[in-house]
Protein backbone atom coordinates (compact mmCIF):
# COMPACT_ATOMS: atom_id res chain seq x y z
CA MET A 1 0.03 0.00 -0.16
CA ASP A 2 1.07 3.33 -0.69
CA GLN A 3 2.09 6.07 1.75
CA GLU A 4 -1.43 7.76 1.52
CA THR A 5 -3.45 4.75 2.57
CA GLU A 6 -1.26 3.25 5.37
CA LEU A 7 -3.34 2.30 8.48
CA THR A 8 -2.28 2.27 11.79
CA LEU A 9 -3.46 0.27 14.54
CA LYS A 10 -3.68 1.93 18.01
CA ILE A 11 -4.82 0.18 21.51
CA ARG A 12 -6.62 2.61 24.38
CA ILE A 13 -7.92 1.53 27.77
CA ASP A 14 -11.56 2.66 28.97
CA ARG A 15 -12.78 2.10 32.36
CA GLU A 16 -10.16 -1.33 32.81
CA LYS A 17 -11.16 -2.55 29.18
CA TYR A 18 -9.17 -2.31 25.93
CA ALA A 19 -10.14 -1.60 22.64
CA TRP A 20 -8.86 -1.34 19.09
CA SER A 21 -8.75 1.72 16.55
CA LEU A 22 -7.58 1.88 13.03
CA TYR A 23 -6.40 5.24 11.76
CA ARG A 24 -5.53 6.29 8.02
CA ASN A 25 -2.33 8.69 8.11
CA GLY A 26 -3.36 12.28 7.92
CA LEU A 27 -6.88 11.72 9.67
CA ALA A 28 -7.45 12.29 13.32
CA GLU A 29 -10.74 10.15 13.24
CA PRO A 30 -10.46 6.06 13.47
CA ILE A 31 -11.83 4.49 10.20
CA LYS A 32 -12.73 1.43 12.25
CA TYR A 33 -12.65 0.78 15.89
CA SER A 34 -14.10 -1.57 18.71
CA VAL A 35 -16.13 -0.77 21.71
CA PRO A 36 -14.00 -1.33 24.70
CA ILE A 37 -14.79 -5.07 25.61
CA PHE A 38 -11.18 -6.64 25.65
CA SER A 39 -9.82 -7.31 29.14
CA THR A 40 -6.21 -7.83 27.96
CA GLU A 41 -4.39 -5.34 25.76
CA ALA A 42 -2.96 -8.48 23.88
CA ALA A 43 -6.46 -9.84 22.82
CA ALA A 44 -7.56 -6.22 21.63
CA THR A 45 -4.07 -6.32 19.56
CA ALA A 46 -4.80 -9.78 18.47
CA ALA A 47 -8.50 -8.75 17.22
CA GLY A 48 -7.16 -5.37 15.92
CA LEU A 49 -4.67 -7.09 13.63
CA GLN A 50 -6.95 -9.47 12.24
CA VAL A 51 -9.54 -6.44 11.13
CA LEU A 52 -6.10 -4.80 9.59
CA ALA A 53 -5.33 -8.12 7.92
CA ARG A 54 -8.74 -8.33 6.27
CA VAL A 55 -8.66 -4.66 5.46
CA ASN A 56 -5.59 -4.99 3.52
CA LEU A 57 -6.55 -7.97 2.21
CA ARG A 58 -9.87 -6.43 0.83
CA THR A 59 -7.87 -3.36 -0.52
CA LYS A 60 -5.66 -5.36 -2.36
CA GLU A 61 -8.39 -7.45 -3.70
CA LEU A 62 -9.96 -4.39 -5.01
CA ALA A 63 -6.88 -3.20 -6.66
CA MET A 64 -6.43 -6.06 -8.44
CA SER A 65 -10.09 -6.11 -9.70
CA LYS A 66 -9.52 -2.62 -11.11
CA LEU A 67 -6.37 -3.86 -13.15
CA ARG A 68 -8.40 -6.68 -14.67
CA ARG A 69 -11.33 -4.63 -15.89
CA SER A 70 -8.61 -2.32 -17.39
CA ALA A 71 -6.59 -5.00 -19.19
CA PRO A 72 -7.66 -5.44 -22.90
């Protein structure tokens, strides 16, 4: 992925529970996030990484689909 579409995973704690958020470079608001339901930081990180992987895979699939449509 290029620099403009890079995503960052951040973990936060809220009232003794953890949550994850995905941020796109240059934007202050998250593009995806969870509610604070995770009891450990590791669990929130693992869940956030799974979502990040799905978002990255979907982005690559869309790019490949566009390339196939534009090929003669």
